Protein backbone atom coordinates (compact mmCIF):
# COMPACT_ATOMS: atom_id res chain seq x y z
CA MET A 1 -11.92 95.75 -26.00
CA ASN A 2 -10.42 99.04 -27.88
CA ASN A 3 -10.11 101.38 -25.53
CA PRO A 4 -8.13 104.80 -26.82
CA TYR A 5 -6.05 105.33 -23.54
CA VAL A 6 -4.56 101.81 -24.08
CA PRO A 7 -1.49 104.05 -25.76
CA LEU A 8 -1.37 106.75 -23.86
CA LEU A 9 -1.18 104.34 -20.85
CA TRP A 10 2.02 102.47 -22.16
CA MET A 11 3.24 105.91 -23.00
CA MET A 12 3.13 106.74 -19.04
CA GLY A 13 4.68 104.18 -18.19
CA ILE A 14 7.51 103.71 -20.51
CA ALA A 15 8.58 106.90 -19.78
CA GLY A 16 8.14 106.67 -15.77
CA VAL A 17 9.96 103.34 -16.60
CA MET A 18 13.06 105.51 -18.46
CA ALA A 19 13.03 108.46 -15.64
CA LEU A 20 13.03 105.85 -12.79
CA GLY A 21 15.48 104.15 -14.75
CA GLY A 22 17.99 106.95 -14.79
CA VAL A 23 18.27 108.16 -12.04
CA GLY A 24 18.40 105.31 -9.62
CA ALA A 25 21.30 104.18 -12.93
CA SER A 26 23.30 107.37 -11.76
CA ALA A 27 22.77 106.28 -8.11
CA ILE A 28 24.81 103.59 -8.91
CA LEU A 29 26.95 103.82 -11.66
CA GLY A 30 28.09 107.38 -10.72
CA PRO A 31 31.31 108.81 -9.48
CA ARG A 32 30.85 109.05 -5.01
CA LYS A 33 34.08 111.43 -4.50
CA TYR A 34 32.67 114.88 -3.29
CA ASN A 35 35.97 117.39 -2.95
CA ARG A 36 34.90 121.64 -2.22
CA ALA A 37 34.54 121.93 -5.49
CA LYS A 38 32.09 120.25 -5.97
CA LEU A 39 29.71 120.93 -2.84
CA GLU A 40 30.13 124.30 -3.71
CA ALA A 41 27.14 126.50 -5.53
CA TYR A 42 27.59 127.09 -9.34
CA GLU A 43 28.57 130.90 -10.18
CA CYS A 44 29.35 130.51 -13.43
CA GLY A 45 33.20 130.75 -12.80
CA ILE A 46 33.02 134.18 -11.22
CA GLN A 47 33.62 134.07 -7.12
CA PRO A 48 30.44 134.44 -5.09
CA THR A 49 30.82 138.06 -3.39
CA PRO A 50 29.09 138.26 0.05
CA HIS A 51 26.00 139.14 0.58
CA ALA A 52 23.76 142.37 2.43
CA ILE A 53 22.91 141.83 5.61
CA GLY A 54 20.08 140.45 5.28
CA GLY A 55 20.27 138.67 2.90
CA GLY A 56 19.59 142.01 0.56
CA ARG A 57 16.97 143.22 -2.25
CA PHE A 58 16.98 142.49 -5.95
CA PRO A 59 16.53 144.90 -8.46
CA ILE A 60 12.95 145.37 -9.60
CA LYS A 61 14.11 144.64 -12.87
CA TYR A 62 14.55 140.97 -11.76
CA TYR A 63 10.50 140.80 -11.13
CA LEU A 64 9.83 142.62 -14.58
CA VAL A 65 11.36 140.28 -16.95
CA ALA A 66 9.88 137.33 -15.16
CA MET A 67 6.73 139.07 -15.40
CA THR A 68 6.62 139.87 -19.50
CA PHE A 69 7.96 135.92 -19.77
CA ILE A 70 4.69 135.02 -17.57
CA VAL A 71 2.21 137.14 -19.37
CA PHE A 72 3.13 136.65 -23.12
CA ASP A 73 3.64 133.04 -22.24
CA ILE A 74 -0.02 133.02 -21.01
CA GLU A 75 -1.05 135.21 -23.85
CA ILE A 76 0.42 132.91 -26.41
CA VAL A 77 -0.74 129.23 -24.12
CA PHE A 78 -4.96 131.56 -24.89
CA LEU A 79 -4.34 132.64 -27.86
CA TYR A 80 -2.85 129.82 -30.01
CA PRO A 81 -6.07 126.93 -29.16
CA TRP A 82 -8.52 130.20 -30.18
CA ALA A 83 -6.46 130.50 -33.09
CA VAL A 84 -7.06 126.96 -34.75
CA ASP A 85 -10.93 127.10 -33.37
CA PHE A 86 -11.86 130.83 -34.62
CA GLY A 87 -14.70 129.65 -37.30
CA GLU A 88 -16.41 127.58 -34.76
CA LEU A 89 -16.43 130.25 -31.89
CA ALA A 90 -17.79 132.63 -33.83
CA TRP A 91 -18.63 136.08 -32.11
CA PHE A 92 -19.09 134.87 -29.06
CA GLY A 93 -14.86 133.84 -29.11
CA LEU A 94 -13.73 136.97 -30.62
CA ILE A 95 -15.67 139.24 -28.22
CA ALA A 96 -14.26 136.73 -25.00
CA MET A 97 -10.45 136.95 -26.43
CA LEU A 98 -10.80 140.76 -27.37
CA GLY A 99 -11.99 141.00 -23.37
CA PHE A 100 -9.11 138.94 -22.38
CA LEU A 101 -6.37 140.93 -24.86
CA ALA A 102 -7.84 144.04 -23.57
CA LEU A 103 -7.17 142.14 -19.63
CA ILE A 104 -3.45 140.80 -20.26
CA THR A 105 -2.80 144.48 -21.07
CA VAL A 106 -3.25 145.90 -18.11
CA PRO A 107 0.17 144.59 -16.56
CA PHE A 108 1.89 144.45 -20.05
CA VAL A 109 1.53 148.64 -19.99
CA TYR A 110 2.11 148.42 -16.00
CA GLU A 111 5.87 147.12 -17.29
CA TRP A 112 6.15 148.85 -20.30
CA ARG A 113 5.61 152.77 -17.93
CA ARG A 114 7.81 150.85 -15.19
CA GLY A 115 10.89 150.27 -17.86
CA GLY A 116 10.87 146.50 -18.21
CA LEU A 117 11.29 146.80 -21.79
CA GLU A 118 14.35 149.11 -21.49
CA TRP A 119 16.87 146.98 -21.53
CA ASP A 120 20.24 148.85 -20.72
């Protein structure tokens, strides 16, 4: 019996064994000396500043950068397979992709108007 999923299952099994083996080896072989510096959050060498009461607020620039990443990431995820099968999809694929690009343009324009693409 020649099952095409057997190599995939072997690869997943080997990856699982390596992942669990790495975690297990680090737990067994790793150093167990904890000090104050190791238990603190890493702050790139800069002393952390006290936060405002109530946790403070993140600037909108943080969320706009995250939104830019998500919009462009989703766009590429859908455009690449469409470009690969462009010949087979014909007019239906073209119209569907134009509709998708029109929908994806809305958050892009919103972010552009809010100043998310300006790096000062």
